[in-house]
Amino acid sequence: MPYVLRHTQTGEIAACVQRNNYNLDYFGVKQWDQEPVAEQEKHHFLEAIGEEDPGLWVPTHADENRVKVFNVKLKNDPSRRLLMDSEGNLSVQTRA
């Protein structure tokens, strides 16, 4: 069961540049297999991607198909931010 980090105020889903199974870099949602691991690693991860106030980010369950949709919405583009509201609706914003 994948878990992602979601910002409690903005609804942003944390994403970063990662390496896939084919050793290729891509920009996508960071996911963890277990909630306790996500909670344990979030401070270091958020610091590494330049996000502040890790207390505002919470692990959120998202099934594998939903994570795939998240990555499609991001379009491998680091200028895009994925937002999910409290009802699970998605929107994308472009960073300035």
Protein backbone atom coordinates (compact mmCIF):
# COMPACT_ATOMS: atom_id res chain seq x y z
CA MET A 1 0.00 0.00 0.00
CA PRO A 2 1.81 3.13 -1.14
CA TYR A 3 1.95 6.24 1.00
CA VAL A 4 2.77 9.74 -0.24
CA LEU A 5 3.32 12.99 1.63
CA ARG A 6 0.54 15.58 1.44
CA HIS A 7 0.80 19.15 2.72
CA THR A 8 -2.02 19.74 5.20
CA GLN A 9 -2.64 23.37 4.16
CA THR A 10 -2.02 23.44 0.41
CA GLY A 11 -2.80 19.81 -0.46
CA GLU A 12 0.45 19.52 -2.43
CA ILE A 13 1.73 15.98 -2.97
CA ALA A 14 5.52 15.78 -2.53
CA ALA A 15 7.42 14.99 -5.71
CA CYS A 16 11.06 14.97 -6.76
CA VAL A 17 13.51 13.70 -9.35
CA GLN A 18 13.98 9.95 -8.91
CA ARG A 19 15.54 7.02 -10.75
CA ASN A 20 13.34 4.25 -12.18
CA ASN A 21 14.06 0.52 -12.67
CA TYR A 22 15.66 1.30 -16.03
CA ASN A 23 18.17 3.66 -14.40
CA LEU A 24 16.49 6.71 -15.97
CA ASP A 25 15.71 9.90 -14.08
CA TYR A 26 12.13 11.13 -13.90
CA PHE A 27 10.13 13.67 -11.92
CA GLY A 28 7.36 12.03 -9.95
CA VAL A 29 5.62 11.49 -6.65
CA LYS A 30 7.76 10.05 -3.87
CA GLN A 31 6.12 6.99 -2.33
CA TRP A 32 6.76 4.61 0.54
CA ASP A 33 5.40 1.11 1.14
CA GLN A 34 4.59 1.69 4.80
CA GLU A 35 3.23 4.69 6.70
CA PRO A 36 5.74 4.44 9.59
CA VAL A 37 8.63 4.49 7.12
CA ALA A 38 7.20 7.57 5.37
CA GLU A 39 6.82 9.29 8.73
CA GLN A 40 10.35 8.35 9.75
CA GLU A 41 11.97 9.50 6.48
CA LYS A 42 9.89 12.61 5.78
CA HIS A 43 12.13 15.12 7.57
CA HIS A 44 15.24 14.11 5.64
CA PHE A 45 13.34 13.80 2.35
CA LEU A 46 11.62 17.19 2.65
CA GLU A 47 14.90 18.86 3.59
CA ALA A 48 16.56 17.28 0.54
CA ILE A 49 13.92 18.72 -1.82
CA GLY A 50 13.95 22.16 -0.18
CA GLU A 51 10.61 22.00 1.62
CA GLU A 52 10.22 23.57 5.03
CA ASP A 53 8.09 22.78 8.06
CA PRO A 54 7.88 18.98 7.89
CA GLY A 55 5.16 19.07 10.56
CA LEU A 56 2.71 20.27 7.89
CA TRP A 57 3.30 17.19 5.71
CA VAL A 58 1.49 13.96 6.54
CA PRO A 59 1.70 10.46 5.07
CA THR A 60 -1.42 9.76 3.04
CA HIS A 61 -2.50 6.42 1.60
CA ALA A 62 -2.83 6.24 -2.18
CA ASP A 63 -3.27 3.00 -4.09
CA GLU A 64 -0.84 2.14 -6.88
CA ASN A 65 -3.20 3.21 -9.67
CA ARG A 66 -3.71 6.58 -8.01
CA VAL A 67 0.06 7.09 -7.74
CA LYS A 68 0.30 6.37 -11.48
CA VAL A 69 -2.32 9.07 -12.12
CA PHE A 70 -0.32 11.47 -9.93
CA ASN A 71 2.76 10.90 -12.07
CA VAL A 72 0.84 11.29 -15.33
CA LYS A 73 -0.49 14.64 -14.07
CA LEU A 74 3.07 15.78 -13.28
CA LYS A 75 4.18 14.98 -16.86
CA ASN A 76 7.79 14.47 -15.75
CA ASP A 77 7.97 18.28 -15.37
CA PRO A 78 9.59 19.72 -12.20
CA SER A 79 7.79 23.02 -12.74
CA ARG A 80 4.44 21.33 -12.02
CA ARG A 81 2.90 20.95 -8.54
CA LEU A 82 0.22 18.38 -7.89
CA LEU A 83 -2.51 19.37 -5.42
CA MET A 84 -5.12 17.07 -3.90
CA ASP A 85 -8.03 18.53 -1.97
CA SER A 86 -9.66 16.89 1.04
CA GLU A 87 -12.10 15.03 -1.24
CA GLY A 88 -9.31 13.60 -3.40
CA ASN A 89 -9.81 15.91 -6.40
CA LEU A 90 -6.58 16.69 -8.23
CA SER A 91 -5.32 19.90 -9.78
CA VAL A 92 -1.97 20.98 -11.17
CA GLN A 93 -0.22 24.32 -10.80
CA THR A 94 2.89 25.52 -12.56
CA ARG A 95 5.64 26.98 -10.40
CA ALA A 96 6.73 30.47 -11.33
